[in-house]
Amino acid sequence: MSGTDGGNCTGMEMISATGLKGTPWPELMPDGRPALIVPAAPDRPVPAADGWASHDTADPHPDWSAVLNDYRLTLHRPDGTTWFDGEIAADRHWRRRVRDHRALLLVTGPFTDVFGLRPAAEAGLLMLLTVPARLISSL
């Protein structure tokens, strides 16, 4: 499918681009927690001072924020700057998990697409951060 709809990706384009060309994609952890897998990008730093760690953290970092409005997700760093703002291919079930957990696990590392995630994980190079999240749209 080609073209855009008012500057926004159509559903098919968004899904076909998921995990490719640096586009983040939603996943569910084995315990049901929502996660967003975010390929590395120069404009998305991951400093330890912001709470990033090489291991999973149970408690959301209070200085971060995630707001999900339908398919648009906005993530703000502790200093208030935007870390990510864009559409994600999140289905209704995943959005409900965000609503229910009120937290989102961010996973990033030295990978730029879905194919680089596994090698980065196997090498122990992933960085994780749990952030408070809220859903402001209806399901």
N, C-alpha and C. Protein backbone atom coordinates (compact mmCIF):
# COMPACT_ATOMS: atom_id res chain seq x y z
N MET A 1 0.85 -1.16 0.00
CA MET A 1 0.00 0.00 0.00
C MET A 1 0.90 1.23 0.00
N SER A 2 0.59 2.21 -0.78
CA SER A 2 1.43 3.40 -0.83
C SER A 2 0.60 4.62 -0.51
N GLY A 3 1.31 5.71 -0.27
CA GLY A 3 0.63 6.95 0.06
C GLY A 3 0.43 7.10 1.54
N THR A 4 0.04 8.30 1.90
CA THR A 4 -0.23 8.58 3.31
C THR A 4 -1.60 9.19 3.43
N ASP A 5 -2.07 9.24 4.63
CA ASP A 5 -3.39 9.78 4.91
C ASP A 5 -3.23 11.00 5.80
N GLY A 6 -3.21 12.17 5.19
CA GLY A 6 -3.08 13.39 5.97
C GLY A 6 -1.76 13.48 6.71
N GLY A 7 -0.70 12.91 6.14
CA GLY A 7 0.60 12.97 6.79
C GLY A 7 0.83 11.84 7.77
N ASN A 8 -0.20 11.04 8.05
CA ASN A 8 -0.05 9.92 8.97
C ASN A 8 0.04 8.63 8.17
N CYS A 9 0.74 7.66 8.72
CA CYS A 9 0.82 6.35 8.07
C CYS A 9 -0.54 5.68 8.09
N THR A 10 -0.86 5.00 7.01
CA THR A 10 -2.06 4.18 7.05
C THR A 10 -1.74 2.94 7.84
N GLY A 11 -2.75 2.21 8.27
CA GLY A 11 -2.53 1.03 9.10
C GLY A 11 -1.58 0.03 8.47
N MET A 12 -1.74 -0.26 7.18
CA MET A 12 -0.87 -1.23 6.52
C MET A 12 0.56 -0.75 6.46
N GLU A 13 0.79 0.53 6.17
CA GLU A 13 2.15 1.05 6.12
C GLU A 13 2.81 0.99 7.48
N MET A 14 2.06 1.34 8.51
CA MET A 14 2.61 1.35 9.85
C MET A 14 3.01 -0.07 10.25
N ILE A 15 2.17 -1.03 10.00
CA ILE A 15 2.47 -2.41 10.37
C ILE A 15 3.62 -2.95 9.54
N SER A 16 3.67 -2.67 8.26
CA SER A 16 4.74 -3.21 7.42
C SER A 16 6.08 -2.58 7.77
N ALA A 17 6.08 -1.39 8.35
CA ALA A 17 7.33 -0.73 8.71
C ALA A 17 7.78 -1.07 10.12
N THR A 18 6.95 -1.77 10.88
CA THR A 18 7.28 -2.08 12.26
C THR A 18 8.57 -2.88 12.36
N GLY A 19 9.51 -2.36 13.14
CA GLY A 19 10.77 -3.03 13.34
C GLY A 19 11.78 -2.81 12.23
N LEU A 20 11.40 -2.09 11.21
CA LEU A 20 12.31 -1.81 10.11
C LEU A 20 12.65 -0.33 10.08
N LYS A 21 13.83 -0.03 9.60
CA LYS A 21 14.26 1.36 9.43
C LYS A 21 14.15 2.16 10.72
N GLY A 22 14.47 1.54 11.86
CA GLY A 22 14.49 2.26 13.13
C GLY A 22 13.14 2.49 13.77
N THR A 23 12.10 1.88 13.26
CA THR A 23 10.76 2.07 13.80
C THR A 23 10.53 1.17 15.02
N PRO A 24 10.15 1.74 16.16
CA PRO A 24 9.85 0.92 17.36
C PRO A 24 8.64 0.02 17.15
N TRP A 25 8.59 -1.07 17.91
CA TRP A 25 7.44 -1.96 17.83
C TRP A 25 7.04 -2.45 19.22
N PRO A 26 5.74 -2.64 19.44
CA PRO A 26 5.23 -3.11 20.73
C PRO A 26 5.35 -4.62 20.87
N GLU A 27 5.61 -5.07 22.07
CA GLU A 27 5.67 -6.49 22.41
C GLU A 27 5.05 -6.66 23.79
N LEU A 28 4.72 -7.90 24.14
CA LEU A 28 4.30 -8.22 25.50
C LEU A 28 5.35 -9.15 26.09
N MET A 29 5.75 -8.87 27.32
CA MET A 29 6.70 -9.72 28.03
C MET A 29 5.97 -11.00 28.44
N PRO A 30 6.70 -12.06 28.76
CA PRO A 30 6.04 -13.32 29.17
C PRO A 30 5.06 -13.14 30.33
N ASP A 31 5.32 -12.16 31.21
CA ASP A 31 4.42 -11.94 32.34
C ASP A 31 3.26 -11.00 31.99
N GLY A 32 3.15 -10.60 30.72
CA GLY A 32 2.04 -9.77 30.27
C GLY A 32 2.30 -8.28 30.27
N ARG A 33 3.47 -7.86 30.78
CA ARG A 33 3.78 -6.43 30.79
C ARG A 33 4.01 -5.93 29.36
N PRO A 34 3.51 -4.73 29.05
CA PRO A 34 3.77 -4.17 27.73
C PRO A 34 5.20 -3.64 27.64
N ALA A 35 5.81 -3.88 26.50
CA ALA A 35 7.16 -3.39 26.23
C ALA A 35 7.17 -2.73 24.87
N LEU A 36 8.04 -1.76 24.72
CA LEU A 36 8.27 -1.14 23.43
C LEU A 36 9.73 -1.38 23.08
N ILE A 37 9.96 -2.05 21.96
CA ILE A 37 11.31 -2.32 21.49
C ILE A 37 11.70 -1.16 20.59
N VAL A 38 12.78 -0.44 20.97
CA VAL A 38 13.14 0.80 20.29
C VAL A 38 14.55 0.69 19.72
N PRO A 39 14.67 0.57 18.40
CA PRO A 39 16.00 0.54 17.80
C PRO A 39 16.79 1.81 18.12
N ALA A 40 18.10 1.67 18.16
CA ALA A 40 18.98 2.80 18.46
C ALA A 40 18.84 3.90 17.42
N ALA A 41 18.96 5.13 17.89
CA ALA A 41 18.93 6.30 17.01
C ALA A 41 19.73 7.40 17.68
N PRO A 42 20.45 8.20 16.91
CA PRO A 42 21.28 9.26 17.50
C PRO A 42 20.48 10.26 18.35
N ASP A 43 19.20 10.46 18.02
CA ASP A 43 18.40 11.43 18.77
C ASP A 43 17.68 10.80 19.96
N ARG A 44 18.01 9.53 20.29
CA ARG A 44 17.42 8.86 21.45
C ARG A 44 18.54 8.35 22.36
N PRO A 45 19.13 9.24 23.16
CA PRO A 45 20.22 8.82 24.05
C PRO A 45 19.72 7.91 25.17
N VAL A 46 20.61 7.08 25.71
CA VAL A 46 20.25 6.16 26.79
C VAL A 46 21.26 6.26 27.94
N PRO A 47 21.41 7.44 28.52
CA PRO A 47 22.38 7.58 29.62
C PRO A 47 21.90 6.92 30.91
N ALA A 48 22.83 6.32 31.62
CA ALA A 48 22.50 5.67 32.90
C ALA A 48 21.89 6.68 33.87
N ALA A 49 22.28 7.93 33.79
CA ALA A 49 21.75 8.96 34.68
C ALA A 49 20.24 9.13 34.52
N ASP A 50 19.69 8.74 33.37
CA ASP A 50 18.25 8.83 33.14
C ASP A 50 17.52 7.59 33.64
N GLY A 51 18.25 6.61 34.16
CA GLY A 51 17.62 5.41 34.70
C GLY A 51 17.80 4.15 33.89
N TRP A 52 18.44 4.24 32.73
CA TRP A 52 18.66 3.07 31.89
C TRP A 52 19.58 2.08 32.60
N ALA A 53 19.29 0.79 32.45
CA ALA A 53 20.09 -0.25 33.08
C ALA A 53 20.16 -1.47 32.17
N SER A 54 21.12 -2.34 32.43
CA SER A 54 21.28 -3.55 31.62
C SER A 54 20.41 -4.69 32.14
N HIS A 55 19.57 -4.40 33.11
CA HIS A 55 18.68 -5.41 33.68
C HIS A 55 17.28 -4.81 33.84
N ASP A 56 16.30 -5.67 33.93
CA ASP A 56 14.91 -5.24 34.07
C ASP A 56 14.69 -4.62 35.44
N THR A 57 13.96 -3.53 35.47
CA THR A 57 13.62 -2.88 36.73
C THR A 57 12.10 -2.96 36.91
N ALA A 58 11.69 -3.31 38.08
CA ALA A 58 10.26 -3.50 38.34
C ALA A 58 9.51 -2.18 38.50
N ASP A 59 10.12 -1.22 39.15
CA ASP A 59 9.42 0.04 39.43
C ASP A 59 9.66 1.05 38.32
N PRO A 60 8.60 1.73 37.90
CA PRO A 60 8.76 2.78 36.89
C PRO A 60 9.62 3.93 37.41
N HIS A 61 10.45 4.45 36.53
CA HIS A 61 11.27 5.61 36.86
C HIS A 61 10.33 6.82 36.93
N PRO A 62 10.22 7.47 38.09
CA PRO A 62 9.19 8.51 38.28
C PRO A 62 9.38 9.77 37.45
N ASP A 63 10.58 10.01 36.94
CA ASP A 63 10.83 11.25 36.21
C ASP A 63 10.56 11.15 34.71
N TRP A 64 10.26 9.95 34.23
CA TRP A 64 9.91 9.75 32.84
C TRP A 64 8.38 9.78 32.71
N SER A 65 7.90 9.96 31.50
CA SER A 65 6.46 9.84 31.27
C SER A 65 6.20 9.27 29.89
N ALA A 66 5.16 8.47 29.80
CA ALA A 66 4.71 7.91 28.53
C ALA A 66 3.21 8.16 28.42
N VAL A 67 2.80 8.73 27.32
CA VAL A 67 1.39 8.98 27.07
C VAL A 67 1.04 8.33 25.73
N LEU A 68 0.05 7.45 25.77
CA LEU A 68 -0.40 6.75 24.57
C LEU A 68 -1.79 7.26 24.22
N ASN A 69 -1.90 7.86 23.05
CA ASN A 69 -3.17 8.39 22.55
C ASN A 69 -3.48 7.65 21.25
N ASP A 70 -4.33 6.63 21.34
CA ASP A 70 -4.60 5.72 20.23
C ASP A 70 -3.29 5.06 19.80
N TYR A 71 -2.76 5.43 18.64
CA TYR A 71 -1.53 4.81 18.14
C TYR A 71 -0.31 5.71 18.29
N ARG A 72 -0.49 6.89 18.83
CA ARG A 72 0.61 7.83 19.00
C ARG A 72 1.14 7.73 20.42
N LEU A 73 2.44 7.49 20.52
CA LEU A 73 3.10 7.39 21.81
C LEU A 73 4.10 8.53 21.95
N THR A 74 4.05 9.20 23.09
CA THR A 74 5.02 10.26 23.39
C THR A 74 5.72 9.90 24.68
N LEU A 75 7.05 9.89 24.63
CA LEU A 75 7.88 9.59 25.80
C LEU A 75 8.74 10.81 26.11
N HIS A 76 8.70 11.22 27.39
CA HIS A 76 9.50 12.36 27.83
C HIS A 76 10.56 11.92 28.83
N ARG A 77 11.77 12.44 28.65
CA ARG A 77 12.91 12.19 29.53
C ARG A 77 12.73 12.98 30.83
N PRO A 78 13.56 12.69 31.83
CA PRO A 78 13.47 13.42 33.11
C PRO A 78 13.59 14.94 32.97
N ASP A 79 14.36 15.41 31.99
CA ASP A 79 14.51 16.86 31.83
C ASP A 79 13.36 17.48 31.04
N GLY A 80 12.36 16.66 30.66
CA GLY A 80 11.19 17.17 29.95
C GLY A 80 11.30 17.11 28.44
N THR A 81 12.47 16.80 27.91
CA THR A 81 12.61 16.72 26.46
C THR A 81 11.95 15.45 25.95
N THR A 82 11.53 15.49 24.71
CA THR A 82 10.89 14.35 24.09
C THR A 82 11.95 13.33 23.66
N TRP A 83 11.79 12.09 24.12
CA TRP A 83 12.70 11.01 23.73
C TRP A 83 12.16 10.27 22.51
N PHE A 84 10.84 10.15 22.44
CA PHE A 84 10.18 9.55 21.28
C PHE A 84 8.79 10.14 21.15
N ASP A 85 8.38 10.39 19.91
CA ASP A 85 7.03 10.85 19.62
C ASP A 85 6.66 10.34 18.24
N GLY A 86 5.75 9.38 18.21
CA GLY A 86 5.36 8.85 16.92
C GLY A 86 4.32 7.76 17.04
N GLU A 87 3.89 7.29 15.89
CA GLU A 87 2.89 6.23 15.85
C GLU A 87 3.57 4.88 16.00
N ILE A 88 2.88 3.99 16.70
CA ILE A 88 3.36 2.62 16.85
C ILE A 88 2.23 1.67 16.47
N ALA A 89 2.59 0.50 16.04
CA ALA A 89 1.61 -0.49 15.60
C ALA A 89 1.09 -1.28 16.79
N ALA A 90 0.37 -0.60 17.66
CA ALA A 90 -0.14 -1.20 18.90
C ALA A 90 -1.58 -1.65 18.71
N ASP A 91 -1.82 -2.94 18.94
CA ASP A 91 -3.19 -3.41 18.85
C ASP A 91 -3.95 -3.10 20.13
N ARG A 92 -5.23 -3.36 20.13
CA ARG A 92 -6.10 -3.06 21.26
C ARG A 92 -5.65 -3.77 22.54
N HIS A 93 -5.26 -5.03 22.41
CA HIS A 93 -4.81 -5.81 23.57
C HIS A 93 -3.58 -5.17 24.22
N TRP A 94 -2.61 -4.77 23.41
CA TRP A 94 -1.39 -4.14 23.93
C TRP A 94 -1.73 -2.81 24.62
N ARG A 95 -2.60 -2.02 24.02
CA ARG A 95 -2.99 -0.74 24.63
C ARG A 95 -3.70 -0.98 25.96
N ARG A 96 -4.52 -2.03 26.03
CA ARG A 96 -5.17 -2.37 27.30
C ARG A 96 -4.14 -2.74 28.37
N ARG A 97 -3.09 -3.45 27.96
CA ARG A 97 -2.05 -3.82 28.91
C ARG A 97 -1.35 -2.57 29.43
N VAL A 98 -1.14 -1.58 28.60
CA VAL A 98 -0.56 -0.30 29.05
C VAL A 98 -1.50 0.33 30.07
N ARG A 99 -2.78 0.36 29.74
CA ARG A 99 -3.76 0.94 30.67
C ARG A 99 -3.77 0.20 32.00
N ASP A 100 -3.77 -1.12 31.97
CA ASP A 100 -3.85 -1.91 33.20
C ASP A 100 -2.58 -1.85 34.05
N HIS A 101 -1.43 -1.87 33.41
CA HIS A 101 -0.15 -1.87 34.15
C HIS A 101 0.29 -0.46 34.55
N ARG A 102 -0.18 0.53 33.81
CA ARG A 102 0.23 1.91 34.04
C ARG A 102 1.75 2.08 34.01
N ALA A 103 2.39 1.22 33.24
CA ALA A 103 3.84 1.27 33.07
C ALA A 103 4.19 0.64 31.74
N LEU A 104 5.34 1.03 31.21
CA LEU A 104 5.81 0.53 29.93
C LEU A 104 7.30 0.26 30.04
N LEU A 105 7.71 -0.94 29.64
CA LEU A 105 9.11 -1.30 29.62
C LEU A 105 9.69 -0.91 28.27
N LEU A 106 10.73 -0.08 28.29
CA LEU A 106 11.43 0.31 27.07
C LEU A 106 12.66 -0.57 26.95
N VAL A 107 12.89 -1.09 25.76
CA VAL A 107 14.05 -1.94 25.49
C VAL A 107 14.77 -1.37 24.27
N THR A 108 16.05 -1.06 24.44
CA THR A 108 16.83 -0.54 23.32
C THR A 108 18.24 -1.13 23.40
N GLY A 109 19.04 -0.79 22.45
CA GLY A 109 20.41 -1.28 22.41
C GLY A 109 21.00 -1.02 21.04
N PRO A 110 22.16 -1.61 20.78
CA PRO A 110 22.84 -1.37 19.50
C PRO A 110 22.27 -2.21 18.36
N PHE A 111 21.02 -1.96 18.04
CA PHE A 111 20.38 -2.60 16.89
C PHE A 111 19.53 -1.54 16.20
N THR A 112 19.38 -1.68 14.89
CA THR A 112 18.65 -0.67 14.13
C THR A 112 17.38 -1.22 13.48
N ASP A 113 17.16 -2.53 13.61
CA ASP A 113 15.93 -3.12 13.08
C ASP A 113 15.64 -4.41 13.83
N VAL A 114 14.54 -5.04 13.50
CA VAL A 114 14.10 -6.24 14.18
C VAL A 114 15.13 -7.36 14.08
N PHE A 115 15.88 -7.40 13.00
CA PHE A 115 16.85 -8.46 12.80
C PHE A 115 18.08 -8.33 13.69
N GLY A 116 18.35 -7.15 14.19
CA GLY A 116 19.50 -6.94 15.06
C GLY A 116 19.21 -7.12 16.54
N LEU A 117 17.93 -7.28 16.91
CA LEU A 117 17.57 -7.39 18.32
C LEU A 117 18.16 -8.64 18.97
N ARG A 118 17.98 -9.77 18.36
CA ARG A 118 18.44 -11.02 18.99
C ARG A 118 19.96 -11.03 19.20
N PRO A 119 20.77 -10.68 18.20
CA PRO A 119 22.22 -10.65 18.45
C PRO A 119 22.61 -9.69 19.58
N ALA A 120 21.95 -8.54 19.66
CA ALA A 120 22.23 -7.58 20.74
C ALA A 120 21.86 -8.17 22.09
N ALA A 121 20.72 -8.86 22.15
CA ALA A 121 20.28 -9.50 23.40
C ALA A 121 21.23 -10.61 23.80
N GLU A 122 21.62 -11.45 22.84
CA GLU A 122 22.53 -12.55 23.14
C GLU A 122 23.89 -12.05 23.62
N ALA A 123 24.30 -10.88 23.16
CA ALA A 123 25.58 -10.30 23.58
C ALA A 123 25.45 -9.53 24.90
N GLY A 124 24.24 -9.45 25.46
CA GLY A 124 24.03 -8.74 26.72
C GLY A 124 24.12 -7.23 26.59
N LEU A 125 23.74 -6.70 25.42
CA LEU A 125 23.91 -5.28 25.15
C LEU A 125 22.63 -4.46 25.23
N LEU A 126 21.53 -5.07 25.68
CA LEU A 126 20.27 -4.32 25.75
C LEU A 126 20.25 -3.42 26.97
N MET A 127 19.55 -2.29 26.82
CA MET A 127 19.32 -1.36 27.92
C MET A 127 17.82 -1.28 28.14
N LEU A 128 17.42 -1.28 29.43
CA LEU A 128 16.00 -1.32 29.79
C LEU A 128 15.65 -0.18 30.73
N LEU A 129 14.40 0.21 30.63
CA LEU A 129 13.89 1.27 31.50
C LEU A 129 12.37 1.11 31.58
N THR A 130 11.84 1.07 32.79
CA THR A 130 10.39 1.04 32.98
C THR A 130 9.93 2.46 33.28
N VAL A 131 8.92 2.92 32.55
CA VAL A 131 8.43 4.28 32.72
C VAL A 131 6.94 4.26 33.04
N PRO A 132 6.47 5.24 33.84
CA PRO A 132 5.04 5.34 34.07
C PRO A 132 4.34 5.68 32.76
N ALA A 133 3.18 5.07 32.55
CA ALA A 133 2.47 5.29 31.28
C ALA A 133 0.99 5.47 31.54
N ARG A 134 0.38 6.25 30.68
CA ARG A 134 -1.06 6.39 30.75
C ARG A 134 -1.65 6.42 29.36
N LEU A 135 -2.82 5.86 29.28
CA LEU A 135 -3.59 5.81 28.04
C LEU A 135 -4.64 6.90 28.12
N ILE A 136 -4.68 7.78 27.12
CA ILE A 136 -5.64 8.87 27.16
C ILE A 136 -6.73 8.73 26.10
N SER A 137 -6.72 7.63 25.37
CA SER A 137 -7.76 7.41 24.37
C SER A 137 -8.67 6.29 24.81
N SER A 138 -9.79 6.19 24.15
CA SER A 138 -10.71 5.10 24.48
C SER A 138 -10.26 3.84 23.76
N LEU A 139 -10.67 2.72 24.31
CA LEU A 139 -10.36 1.44 23.68
C LEU A 139 -11.57 0.99 22.93
